[in-house]
Amino acid sequence: MLLLAGAAHGHRVNIFAWLEGGQVVVQCGFSSKTPVRQGEITVFAHAGNQPLLEGRTDDAGMFRFAAPPEAKTRGLRIRVRAGEGHQNQWIMEPGEFADAAPEPAPATTAAPENTPRLPEDGGQQITAEEVARIVNAALDAKLAPVKRELAALRESPPGLKEIVGGVGWLVGLAGIGLYFRGRSPRNSALQADKMAKTGQ
């Protein structure tokens, strides 16, 4: 039974997605750690059925795309199809895009009154939005491996400890069932008859 469960689980498709800079990075692989090559990726708004974009994973099982404007308000649902009926999806909530790098502001001729300025000695002027964009991009790059590892842990198959624990539960439940079966009224009556006959 365990071998059949392992074989069925061996072809499971895992999909992970995270934000890096202004892009969504999607990683797809089978539970055997083999990447999904040329898997069909379809991106939807979280609650929608109309595809926002489609593409295919590369040979490393990766796919990147610019976060669409709908992502900040509706979130995304990213689906991978790896052939032979293997598919899975990943949901990205709107809150994940709240700190995404803002769109570059159009050039203006006059700066607002509250924009900090550097001394006029030829130094560059950096707005608060640009600082936020730079910091967010750096954080996304540094946190991407951590997000990937957390997602992999979340999708990891059961280990020996979990399998043995599951078998223990089944044996325990079977024991409880046998105990109550032995305590049924019919068996109690048979035991009373045996005791009465041996007492005579």
C-alpha atoms as a PDB file:
ATOM      1  CA  MET A   1       0.000   0.000   0.000  1.00  0.00           C
ATOM      2  CA  LEU A   2       2.840   2.398   0.832  1.00  0.00           C
ATOM      3  CA  LEU A   3       4.513   1.680  -2.505  1.00  0.00           C
ATOM      4  CA  LEU A   4       1.348   2.591  -4.396  1.00  0.00           C
ATOM      5  CA  ALA A   5       1.002   5.818  -2.429  1.00  0.00           C
ATOM      6  CA  GLY A   6       4.627   6.691  -3.170  1.00  0.00           C
ATOM      7  CA  ALA A   7       4.208   6.012  -6.887  1.00  0.00           C
ATOM      8  CA  ALA A   8       1.082   8.154  -7.072  1.00  0.00           C
ATOM      9  CA  HIS A   9       2.790  10.943  -5.170  1.00  0.00           C
ATOM     10  CA  GLY A  10       5.910  10.763  -7.367  1.00  0.00           C
ATOM     11  CA  HIS A  11       4.260  12.671 -10.228  1.00  0.00           C
ATOM     12  CA  ARG A  12       2.753  15.464  -8.197  1.00  0.00           C
ATOM     13  CA  VAL A  13       3.353  18.914  -9.667  1.00  0.00           C
ATOM     14  CA  ASN A  14       4.480  21.643  -7.296  1.00  0.00           C
ATOM     15  CA  ILE A  15       4.220  25.320  -8.134  1.00  0.00           C
ATOM     16  CA  PHE A  16       5.667  28.227  -6.155  1.00  0.00           C
ATOM     17  CA  ALA A  17       5.401  31.925  -6.977  1.00  0.00           C
ATOM     18  CA  TRP A  18       6.838  35.019  -5.340  1.00  0.00           C
ATOM     19  CA  LEU A  19       7.413  38.667  -6.116  1.00  0.00           C
ATOM     20  CA  GLU A  20      10.907  39.808  -7.034  1.00  0.00           C
ATOM     21  CA  GLY A  21      11.281  43.446  -7.997  1.00  0.00           C
ATOM     22  CA  GLY A  22       8.226  44.213 -10.089  1.00  0.00           C
ATOM     23  CA  GLN A  23       8.118  40.682 -11.483  1.00  0.00           C
ATOM     24  CA  VAL A  24       6.352  37.516 -10.441  1.00  0.00           C
ATOM     25  CA  VAL A  25       8.696  34.524 -10.464  1.00  0.00           C
ATOM     26  CA  VAL A  26       7.100  31.096 -10.883  1.00  0.00           C
ATOM     27  CA  GLN A  27       8.964  27.850 -10.205  1.00  0.00           C
ATOM     28  CA  CYS A  28       7.423  24.499 -11.154  1.00  0.00           C
ATOM     29  CA  GLY A  29       8.691  21.006 -10.467  1.00  0.00           C
ATOM     30  CA  PHE A  30       7.615  17.465  -9.786  1.00  0.00           C
ATOM     31  CA  SER A  31       7.853  16.077  -6.267  1.00  0.00           C
ATOM     32  CA  SER A  32      10.915  14.132  -7.440  1.00  0.00           C
ATOM     33  CA  LYS A  33      12.694  17.533  -7.719  1.00  0.00           C
ATOM     34  CA  THR A  34      12.622  17.340 -11.539  1.00  0.00           C
ATOM     35  CA  PRO A  35      11.726  20.720 -13.077  1.00  0.00           C
ATOM     36  CA  VAL A  36       8.611  21.025 -15.231  1.00  0.00           C
ATOM     37  CA  ARG A  37      10.031  21.760 -18.677  1.00  0.00           C
ATOM     38  CA  GLN A  38       7.775  23.597 -21.141  1.00  0.00           C
ATOM     39  CA  GLY A  39       4.839  23.469 -18.723  1.00  0.00           C
ATOM     40  CA  GLU A  40       1.842  25.604 -19.683  1.00  0.00           C
ATOM     41  CA  ILE A  41       1.453  28.591 -17.359  1.00  0.00           C
ATOM     42  CA  THR A  42      -1.836  30.491 -17.265  1.00  0.00           C
ATOM     43  CA  VAL A  43      -2.274  33.569 -15.071  1.00  0.00           C
ATOM     44  CA  PHE A  44      -5.744  34.661 -13.940  1.00  0.00           C
ATOM     45  CA  ALA A  45      -7.052  37.311 -11.591  1.00  0.00           C
ATOM     46  CA  HIS A  46      -7.571  35.477  -8.271  1.00  0.00           C
ATOM     47  CA  ALA A  47     -11.355  35.143  -8.650  1.00  0.00           C
ATOM     48  CA  GLY A  48     -11.528  35.327 -12.439  1.00  0.00           C
ATOM     49  CA  ASN A  49     -11.576  32.794 -15.260  1.00  0.00           C
ATOM     50  CA  GLN A  50     -10.348  35.083 -18.039  1.00  0.00           C
ATOM     51  CA  PRO A  51      -6.600  34.509 -18.600  1.00  0.00           C
ATOM     52  CA  LEU A  52      -4.460  37.616 -18.110  1.00  0.00           C
ATOM     53  CA  LEU A  53      -1.444  36.017 -19.768  1.00  0.00           C
ATOM     54  CA  GLU A  54      -0.051  32.649 -20.813  1.00  0.00           C
ATOM     55  CA  GLY A  55       3.414  31.239 -21.285  1.00  0.00           C
ATOM     56  CA  ARG A  56       5.682  28.229 -20.809  1.00  0.00           C
ATOM     57  CA  THR A  57       8.306  27.329 -18.238  1.00  0.00           C
ATOM     58  CA  ASP A  58      11.936  27.146 -19.326  1.00  0.00           C
ATOM     59  CA  ASP A  59      14.173  24.080 -18.941  1.00  0.00           C
ATOM     60  CA  ALA A  60      14.753  24.967 -15.270  1.00  0.00           C
ATOM     61  CA  GLY A  61      10.986  25.034 -14.617  1.00  0.00           C
ATOM     62  CA  MET A  62      10.967  28.843 -14.234  1.00  0.00           C
ATOM     63  CA  PHE A  63       8.662  31.506 -15.669  1.00  0.00           C
ATOM     64  CA  ARG A  64       8.806  35.282 -15.050  1.00  0.00           C
ATOM     65  CA  PHE A  65       6.355  38.017 -15.895  1.00  0.00           C
ATOM     66  CA  ALA A  66       5.683  41.620 -14.950  1.00  0.00           C
ATOM     67  CA  ALA A  67       3.028  41.870 -12.249  1.00  0.00           C
ATOM     68  CA  PRO A  68      -0.183  43.002 -13.987  1.00  0.00           C
ATOM     69  CA  PRO A  69      -2.051  46.022 -12.578  1.00  0.00           C
ATOM     70  CA  GLU A  70      -4.959  43.772 -11.477  1.00  0.00           C
ATOM     71  CA  ALA A  71      -2.670  41.993  -9.014  1.00  0.00           C
ATOM     72  CA  LYS A  72      -2.702  44.852  -6.474  1.00  0.00           C
ATOM     73  CA  THR A  73      -6.492  44.852  -6.196  1.00  0.00           C
ATOM     74  CA  ARG A  74      -7.532  41.293  -7.052  1.00  0.00           C
ATOM     75  CA  GLY A  75      -4.508  39.045  -6.513  1.00  0.00           C
ATOM     76  CA  LEU A  76      -3.459  36.318  -8.933  1.00  0.00           C
ATOM     77  CA  ARG A  77      -4.129  32.636  -9.531  1.00  0.00           C
ATOM     78  CA  ILE A  78      -1.289  30.966 -11.433  1.00  0.00           C
ATOM     79  CA  ARG A  79      -1.904  27.529 -12.949  1.00  0.00           C
ATOM     80  CA  VAL A  80       0.645  25.090 -14.364  1.00  0.00           C
ATOM     81  CA  ARG A  81      -0.239  22.167 -16.624  1.00  0.00           C
ATOM     82  CA  ALA A  82       2.546  19.636 -17.001  1.00  0.00           C
ATOM     83  CA  GLY A  83       0.828  17.171 -19.345  1.00  0.00           C
ATOM     84  CA  GLU A  84      -0.857  13.831 -18.648  1.00  0.00           C
ATOM     85  CA  GLY A  85      -3.429  15.514 -16.408  1.00  0.00           C
ATOM     86  CA  HIS A  86      -0.828  16.894 -13.992  1.00  0.00           C
ATOM     87  CA  GLN A  87      -1.679  20.401 -12.883  1.00  0.00           C
ATOM     88  CA  ASN A  88      -1.570  22.614  -9.826  1.00  0.00           C
ATOM     89  CA  GLN A  89      -2.084  26.265  -8.977  1.00  0.00           C
ATOM     90  CA  TRP A  90      -0.685  28.959  -6.689  1.00  0.00           C
ATOM     91  CA  ILE A  91      -2.667  31.855  -5.226  1.00  0.00           C
ATOM     92  CA  MET A  92      -1.065  35.251  -4.639  1.00  0.00           C
ATOM     93  CA  GLU A  93      -3.155  37.554  -2.451  1.00  0.00           C
ATOM     94  CA  PRO A  94      -3.461  41.301  -3.228  1.00  0.00           C
ATOM     95  CA  GLY A  95      -1.516  42.117  -0.048  1.00  0.00           C
ATOM     96  CA  GLU A  96       1.591  40.493  -1.540  1.00  0.00           C
ATOM     97  CA  PHE A  97       1.633  43.221  -4.181  1.00  0.00           C
ATOM     98  CA  ALA A  98       1.071  46.139  -1.784  1.00  0.00           C
ATOM     99  CA  ASP A  99       4.809  46.643  -1.317  1.00  0.00           C
ATOM    100  CA  ALA A 100       5.651  46.019  -4.953  1.00  0.00           C
ATOM    101  CA  ALA A 101       7.893  48.536  -6.611  1.00  0.00           C
ATOM    102  CA  PRO A 102       5.732  51.469  -7.679  1.00  0.00           C
ATOM    103  CA  GLU A 103       5.515  52.446 -11.303  1.00  0.00           C
ATOM    104  CA  PRO A 104       8.113  55.062 -12.197  1.00  0.00           C
ATOM    105  CA  ALA A 105       6.623  58.519 -11.798  1.00  0.00           C
ATOM    106  CA  PRO A 106       6.369  60.635 -14.947  1.00  0.00           C
ATOM    107  CA  ALA A 107       8.922  63.410 -15.254  1.00  0.00           C
ATOM    108  CA  THR A 108       7.730  66.678 -13.745  1.00  0.00           C
ATOM    109  CA  THR A 109       9.076  70.163 -14.141  1.00  0.00           C
ATOM    110  CA  ALA A 110       8.557  71.267 -10.547  1.00  0.00           C
ATOM    111  CA  ALA A 111       9.056  69.154  -7.436  1.00  0.00           C
ATOM    112  CA  PRO A 112       6.389  69.188  -4.712  1.00  0.00           C
ATOM    113  CA  GLU A 113       7.103  71.322  -1.662  1.00  0.00           C
ATOM    114  CA  ASN A 114       7.659  68.351   0.677  1.00  0.00           C
ATOM    115  CA  THR A 115      10.159  66.522  -1.565  1.00  0.00           C
ATOM    116  CA  PRO A 116      13.580  66.416   0.122  1.00  0.00           C
ATOM    117  CA  ARG A 117      16.364  67.994  -1.893  1.00  0.00           C
ATOM    118  CA  LEU A 118      20.088  67.566  -1.780  1.00  0.00           C
ATOM    119  CA  PRO A 119      22.340  70.605  -1.806  1.00  0.00           C
ATOM    120  CA  GLU A 120      22.671  72.171  -5.224  1.00  0.00           C
ATOM    121  CA  ASP A 121      26.299  71.181  -5.623  1.00  0.00           C
ATOM    122  CA  GLY A 122      25.700  68.802  -8.522  1.00  0.00           C
ATOM    123  CA  GLY A 123      24.436  65.897  -6.350  1.00  0.00           C
ATOM    124  CA  GLN A 124      21.546  63.738  -7.522  1.00  0.00           C
ATOM    125  CA  GLN A 125      18.077  64.196  -6.129  1.00  0.00           C
ATOM    126  CA  ILE A 126      16.330  61.031  -4.901  1.00  0.00           C
ATOM    127  CA  THR A 127      12.650  61.073  -4.045  1.00  0.00           C
ATOM    128  CA  ALA A 128      11.041  59.018  -1.290  1.00  0.00           C
ATOM    129  CA  GLU A 129       9.322  56.877  -3.945  1.00  0.00           C
ATOM    130  CA  GLU A 130      12.665  56.034  -5.555  1.00  0.00           C
ATOM    131  CA  VAL A 131      14.154  55.108  -2.179  1.00  0.00           C
ATOM    132  CA  ALA A 132      11.146  52.858  -1.462  1.00  0.00           C
ATOM    133  CA  ARG A 133      11.505  51.228  -4.889  1.00  0.00           C
ATOM    134  CA  ILE A 134      15.226  50.567  -4.385  1.00  0.00           C
ATOM    135  CA  VAL A 135      14.727  49.161  -0.875  1.00  0.00           C
ATOM    136  CA  ASN A 136      11.810  46.944  -1.971  1.00  0.00           C
ATOM    137  CA  ALA A 137      13.785  45.590  -4.924  1.00  0.00           C
ATOM    138  CA  ALA A 138      16.750  44.772  -2.664  1.00  0.00           C
ATOM    139  CA  LEU A 139      14.490  43.083  -0.089  1.00  0.00           C
ATOM    140  CA  ASP A 140      12.728  41.052  -2.780  1.00  0.00           C
ATOM    141  CA  ALA A 141      16.065  39.836  -4.124  1.00  0.00           C
ATOM    142  CA  LYS A 142      17.331  38.883  -0.645  1.00  0.00           C
ATOM    143  CA  LEU A 143      14.079  37.222   0.486  1.00  0.00           C
ATOM    144  CA  ALA A 144      13.390  35.273  -2.722  1.00  0.00           C
ATOM    145  CA  PRO A 145      15.442  32.206  -1.668  1.00  0.00           C
ATOM    146  CA  VAL A 146      13.760  32.204   1.758  1.00  0.00           C
ATOM    147  CA  LYS A 147      10.299  32.363   0.159  1.00  0.00           C
ATOM    148  CA  ARG A 148      11.257  29.512  -2.171  1.00  0.00           C
ATOM    149  CA  GLU A 149      12.452  27.332   0.719  1.00  0.00           C
ATOM    150  CA  LEU A 150       9.325  28.036   2.781  1.00  0.00           C
ATOM    151  CA  ALA A 151       7.125  27.154  -0.174  1.00  0.00           C
ATOM    152  CA  ALA A 152       9.076  23.930  -0.742  1.00  0.00           C
ATOM    153  CA  LEU A 153       8.657  22.972   2.918  1.00  0.00           C
ATOM    154  CA  ARG A 154       4.938  23.629   2.686  1.00  0.00           C
ATOM    155  CA  GLU A 155       4.590  21.319  -0.312  1.00  0.00           C
ATOM    156  CA  SER A 156       7.034  18.606   0.781  1.00  0.00           C
ATOM    157  CA  PRO A 157       5.726  15.018   0.672  1.00  0.00           C
ATOM    158  CA  PRO A 158       5.211  13.050   3.883  1.00  0.00           C
ATOM    159  CA  GLY A 159       8.385  11.563   5.350  1.00  0.00           C
ATOM    160  CA  LEU A 160       8.952   8.273   7.138  1.00  0.00           C
ATOM    161  CA  LYS A 161       7.876   9.790  10.457  1.00  0.00           C
ATOM    162  CA  GLU A 162       4.492  10.849   9.053  1.00  0.00           C
ATOM    163  CA  ILE A 163       3.950   7.496   7.292  1.00  0.00           C
ATOM    164  CA  VAL A 164       4.759   5.471  10.426  1.00  0.00           C
ATOM    165  CA  GLY A 165       2.524   7.801  12.452  1.00  0.00           C
ATOM    166  CA  GLY A 166      -0.320   7.246   9.997  1.00  0.00           C
ATOM    167  CA  VAL A 167       0.091   3.474  10.169  1.00  0.00           C
ATOM    168  CA  GLY A 168       0.095   3.749  13.979  1.00  0.00           C
ATOM    169  CA  TRP A 169      -3.202   5.620  13.853  1.00  0.00           C
ATOM    170  CA  LEU A 170      -4.731   2.922  11.647  1.00  0.00           C
ATOM    171  CA  VAL A 171      -3.546   0.123  13.954  1.00  0.00           C
ATOM    172  CA  GLY A 172      -4.865   2.041  16.965  1.00  0.00           C
ATOM    173  CA  LEU A 173      -8.260   2.561  15.354  1.00  0.00           C
ATOM    174  CA  ALA A 174      -8.425  -1.129  14.411  1.00  0.00           C
ATOM    175  CA  GLY A 175      -7.623  -2.043  18.031  1.00  0.00           C
ATOM    176  CA  ILE A 176     -10.378   0.212  19.328  1.00  0.00           C
ATOM    177  CA  GLY A 177     -12.791  -1.339  16.846  1.00  0.00           C
ATOM    178  CA  LEU A 178     -11.873  -4.864  17.967  1.00  0.00           C
ATOM    179  CA  TYR A 179     -12.220  -3.858  21.619  1.00  0.00           C
ATOM    180  CA  PHE A 180     -15.746  -2.540  21.130  1.00  0.00           C
ATOM    181  CA  ARG A 181     -16.653  -5.503  18.963  1.00  0.00           C
ATOM    182  CA  GLY A 182     -15.633  -7.798  21.819  1.00  0.00           C
ATOM    183  CA  ARG A 183     -17.784  -5.764  24.220  1.00  0.00           C
ATOM    184  CA  SER A 184     -20.938  -6.033  22.116  1.00  0.00           C
ATOM    185  CA  PRO A 185     -24.107  -7.346  23.884  1.00  0.00           C
ATOM    186  CA  ARG A 186     -23.996 -10.605  21.902  1.00  0.00           C
ATOM    187  CA  ASN A 187     -20.441 -11.366  23.040  1.00  0.00           C
ATOM    188  CA  SER A 188     -21.323 -10.398  26.628  1.00  0.00           C
ATOM    189  CA  ALA A 189     -24.218 -12.887  26.570  1.00  0.00           C
ATOM    190  CA  LEU A 190     -21.929 -15.641  25.214  1.00  0.00           C
ATOM    191  CA  GLN A 191     -19.380 -14.956  27.949  1.00  0.00           C
ATOM    192  CA  ALA A 192     -22.127 -15.067  30.613  1.00  0.00           C
ATOM    193  CA  ASP A 193     -23.275 -18.458  29.233  1.00  0.00           C
ATOM    194  CA  LYS A 194     -19.710 -19.817  29.375  1.00  0.00           C
ATOM    195  CA  MET A 195     -19.276 -18.619  32.945  1.00  0.00           C
ATOM    196  CA  ALA A 196     -22.603 -20.147  33.957  1.00  0.00           C
ATOM    197  CA  LYS A 197     -21.678 -23.507  32.389  1.00  0.00           C
ATOM    198  CA  THR A 198     -18.245 -23.597  34.016  1.00  0.00           C
ATOM    199  CA  GLY A 199     -19.760 -22.660  37.368  1.00  0.00           C
ATOM    200  CA  GLN A 200     -22.084 -25.678  37.325  1.00  0.00           C
END
